[in-house]
């Protein structure tokens, strides 16, 4: 069993520092490793307690210690999935949205696609296309149990 310190370790690459309207800075990025979310997904951290970008280390209010890879600006997020995740997690907490490249207007449908992308990475399969809502819904329904079993560390039946 991992000790508590190991459970609070995470790795993020790429990442950016974002100041929310709360007045606190948070990390947003792709969690390669993250015990709380299972990793392989875009996440927004709790407020940053300290950060040393030069050594690629940070700690957040939750006690999680991050190893940081490439720093990017929000405007330079590398994929459409990253920009949608940013629009879902960060922009609602900003009075003045950042000038990011456009994302789909139907954010609830895009949210399902981002979830499907995360599941697909964990399952080692291709995600459904963003613009095919029926395929996204089918993918989620067909793979949810298998995904949760994998996340829970149980073998599929």
Protein backbone atom coordinates (compact mmCIF):
# COMPACT_ATOMS: atom_id res chain seq x y z
CA UNK A 1 0.00 0.00 0.00
CA UNK A 2 1.34 3.44 -0.93
CA UNK A 3 2.01 5.82 1.92
CA UNK A 4 0.11 9.09 2.14
CA UNK A 5 3.05 11.05 0.73
CA UNK A 6 3.07 8.88 -2.41
CA UNK A 7 -0.69 9.32 -2.86
CA UNK A 8 -0.18 13.07 -2.93
CA UNK A 9 2.32 13.04 -5.79
CA UNK A 10 1.39 14.03 -9.31
CA UNK A 11 3.06 14.86 -12.60
CA UNK A 12 1.77 17.45 -15.07
CA UNK A 13 2.97 18.03 -18.65
CA UNK A 14 2.20 20.46 -20.18
CA UNK A 15 1.02 22.93 -17.56
CA UNK A 16 0.27 26.60 -17.03
CA UNK A 17 -0.30 28.81 -14.03
CA UNK A 18 -3.69 30.54 -14.00
CA UNK A 19 -4.92 33.23 -11.63
CA UNK A 20 -8.60 32.74 -10.89
CA UNK A 21 -11.02 35.41 -9.72
CA UNK A 22 -10.62 34.04 -6.19
CA UNK A 23 -7.21 35.74 -6.15
CA UNK A 24 -5.34 32.43 -6.03
CA UNK A 25 -3.11 30.86 -8.65
CA UNK A 26 -3.79 27.28 -9.77
CA UNK A 27 -2.07 24.81 -12.04
CA UNK A 28 -3.94 23.72 -15.14
CA UNK A 29 -2.49 21.00 -17.28
CA UNK A 30 -2.33 17.40 -18.37
CA UNK A 31 -1.89 15.13 -15.36
CA UNK A 32 0.29 12.28 -16.49
CA UNK A 33 0.05 10.90 -12.96
CA UNK A 34 -2.53 11.88 -10.34
CA UNK A 35 -3.90 9.53 -7.68
CA UNK A 36 -7.09 11.57 -7.26
CA UNK A 37 -8.15 11.46 -10.90
CA UNK A 38 -6.28 8.44 -12.19
CA UNK A 39 -4.13 10.69 -14.36
CA UNK A 40 -4.11 10.88 -18.14
CA UNK A 41 -6.47 13.83 -18.07
CA UNK A 42 -6.64 17.61 -17.96
CA UNK A 43 -6.95 18.93 -14.41
CA UNK A 44 -7.19 22.14 -12.43
CA UNK A 45 -5.35 22.03 -9.12
CA UNK A 46 -6.26 23.49 -5.78
CA UNK A 47 -4.49 26.82 -5.05
CA UNK A 48 -0.72 26.77 -5.42
CA UNK A 49 1.17 27.07 -2.13
CA UNK A 50 4.60 27.23 -3.74
CA UNK A 51 6.08 26.74 -7.17
CA UNK A 52 9.62 26.55 -8.50
CA UNK A 53 9.26 26.51 -12.27
CA UNK A 54 13.04 26.32 -12.72
CA UNK A 55 13.20 22.91 -11.01
CA UNK A 56 9.73 21.83 -12.18
CA UNK A 57 8.19 21.43 -8.75
CA UNK A 58 5.07 22.78 -7.07
CA UNK A 59 2.79 22.07 -4.13
CA UNK A 60 -0.88 22.90 -3.87
CA UNK A 61 -3.17 23.61 -0.94
CA UNK A 62 -4.36 19.99 -0.96
CA UNK A 63 -0.80 18.91 -0.14
CA UNK A 64 -0.26 17.40 -3.56
CA UNK A 65 3.31 17.75 -4.84
CA UNK A 66 3.63 18.15 -8.59
CA UNK A 67 6.49 17.36 -10.91
CA UNK A 68 6.09 19.81 -13.78
CA UNK A 69 7.06 19.29 -17.40
CA UNK A 70 6.75 21.87 -20.18
CA UNK A 71 5.26 25.22 -19.24
CA UNK A 72 2.81 26.67 -21.78
CA UNK A 73 0.57 29.69 -21.86
CA UNK A 74 -3.19 29.17 -21.93
CA UNK A 75 -3.16 30.59 -25.46
CA UNK A 76 -0.71 27.87 -26.52
CA UNK A 77 -2.56 24.83 -25.15
CA UNK A 78 -1.60 22.03 -27.52
CA UNK A 79 -4.91 20.39 -28.47
CA UNK A 80 -8.60 21.04 -28.92
CA UNK A 81 -9.24 18.73 -25.95
CA UNK A 82 -6.94 20.92 -23.80
CA UNK A 83 -8.75 24.10 -24.87
CA UNK A 84 -12.17 22.58 -24.18
CA UNK A 85 -11.03 21.36 -20.76
CA UNK A 86 -9.71 24.86 -20.03
CA UNK A 87 -13.03 26.38 -21.14
CA UNK A 88 -14.89 23.97 -18.84
CA UNK A 89 -12.68 24.18 -15.74
CA UNK A 90 -11.00 27.57 -15.77
CA UNK A 91 -12.99 30.09 -17.78
CA UNK A 92 -16.15 29.90 -15.61
CA UNK A 93 -13.94 31.16 -12.76
CA UNK A 94 -12.69 34.20 -14.69
CA UNK A 95 -14.47 37.54 -15.01
CA UNK A 96 -12.47 38.33 -18.13
CA UNK A 97 -12.09 35.20 -20.29
CA UNK A 98 -8.73 34.72 -21.95
CA UNK A 99 -8.50 35.10 -25.75
CA UNK A 100 -8.17 31.40 -26.54
CA UNK A 101 -8.75 29.78 -29.90
CA UNK A 102 -12.44 28.93 -30.35
CA UNK A 103 -13.98 25.83 -28.81
CA UNK A 104 -17.35 24.26 -29.65
CA UNK A 105 -20.33 26.29 -28.49
CA UNK A 106 -22.07 23.21 -27.06
CA UNK A 107 -19.91 22.79 -23.97
CA UNK A 108 -22.10 20.08 -22.34
CA UNK A 109 -21.57 17.87 -25.41
CA UNK A 110 -17.88 18.79 -25.47
CA UNK A 111 -17.59 17.85 -21.78
CA UNK A 112 -18.81 14.33 -22.60
CA UNK A 113 -16.22 14.12 -25.37
CA UNK A 114 -13.41 15.18 -23.00
CA UNK A 115 -14.52 12.42 -20.58
CA UNK A 116 -14.56 9.95 -23.47
CA UNK A 117 -11.00 10.99 -24.42
CA UNK A 118 -9.79 10.35 -20.87
CA UNK A 119 -11.52 6.97 -20.78
CA UNK A 120 -10.08 6.04 -24.17
CA UNK A 121 -6.52 6.80 -23.00
CA UNK A 122 -6.97 4.57 -19.95
CA UNK A 123 -8.51 1.78 -22.02
CA UNK A 124 -5.97 2.05 -24.84
CA UNK A 125 -8.57 2.68 -27.54
CA UNK A 126 -9.40 5.51 -29.92
CA UNK A 127 -11.91 8.10 -28.66
CA UNK A 128 -15.04 8.85 -30.66
CA UNK A 129 -15.12 11.93 -32.89
CA UNK A 130 -16.05 15.19 -31.16
CA UNK A 131 -18.76 16.12 -33.64
CA UNK A 132 -20.62 12.79 -33.42
CA UNK A 133 -22.73 13.09 -30.24
CA UNK A 134 -24.34 9.68 -30.82
CA UNK A 135 -20.92 8.02 -31.08
CA UNK A 136 -19.76 9.80 -27.91
CA UNK A 137 -22.86 8.68 -26.02
CA UNK A 138 -22.44 5.11 -27.28
CA UNK A 139 -18.74 5.11 -26.34
CA UNK A 140 -19.49 6.31 -22.81
CA UNK A 141 -22.26 3.76 -22.30
CA UNK A 142 -20.30 0.88 -23.76
CA UNK A 143 -17.07 1.56 -21.86
CA UNK A 144 -18.03 3.10 -18.51
CA UNK A 145 -18.07 -0.15 -16.49
CA UNK A 146 -14.80 -1.35 -17.98
CA UNK A 147 -13.21 2.04 -17.28
CA UNK A 148 -14.34 2.09 -13.63
CA UNK A 149 -13.15 -1.47 -13.10
CA UNK A 150 -9.76 -0.46 -14.49
CA UNK A 151 -9.68 2.65 -12.26
CA UNK A 152 -10.70 0.59 -9.23
CA UNK A 153 -7.99 -1.96 -10.00
CA UNK A 154 -10.42 -4.79 -10.66
CA UNK A 155 -10.35 -7.09 -13.62
CA UNK A 156 -13.28 -6.99 -16.05
CA UNK A 157 -15.77 -9.81 -15.62
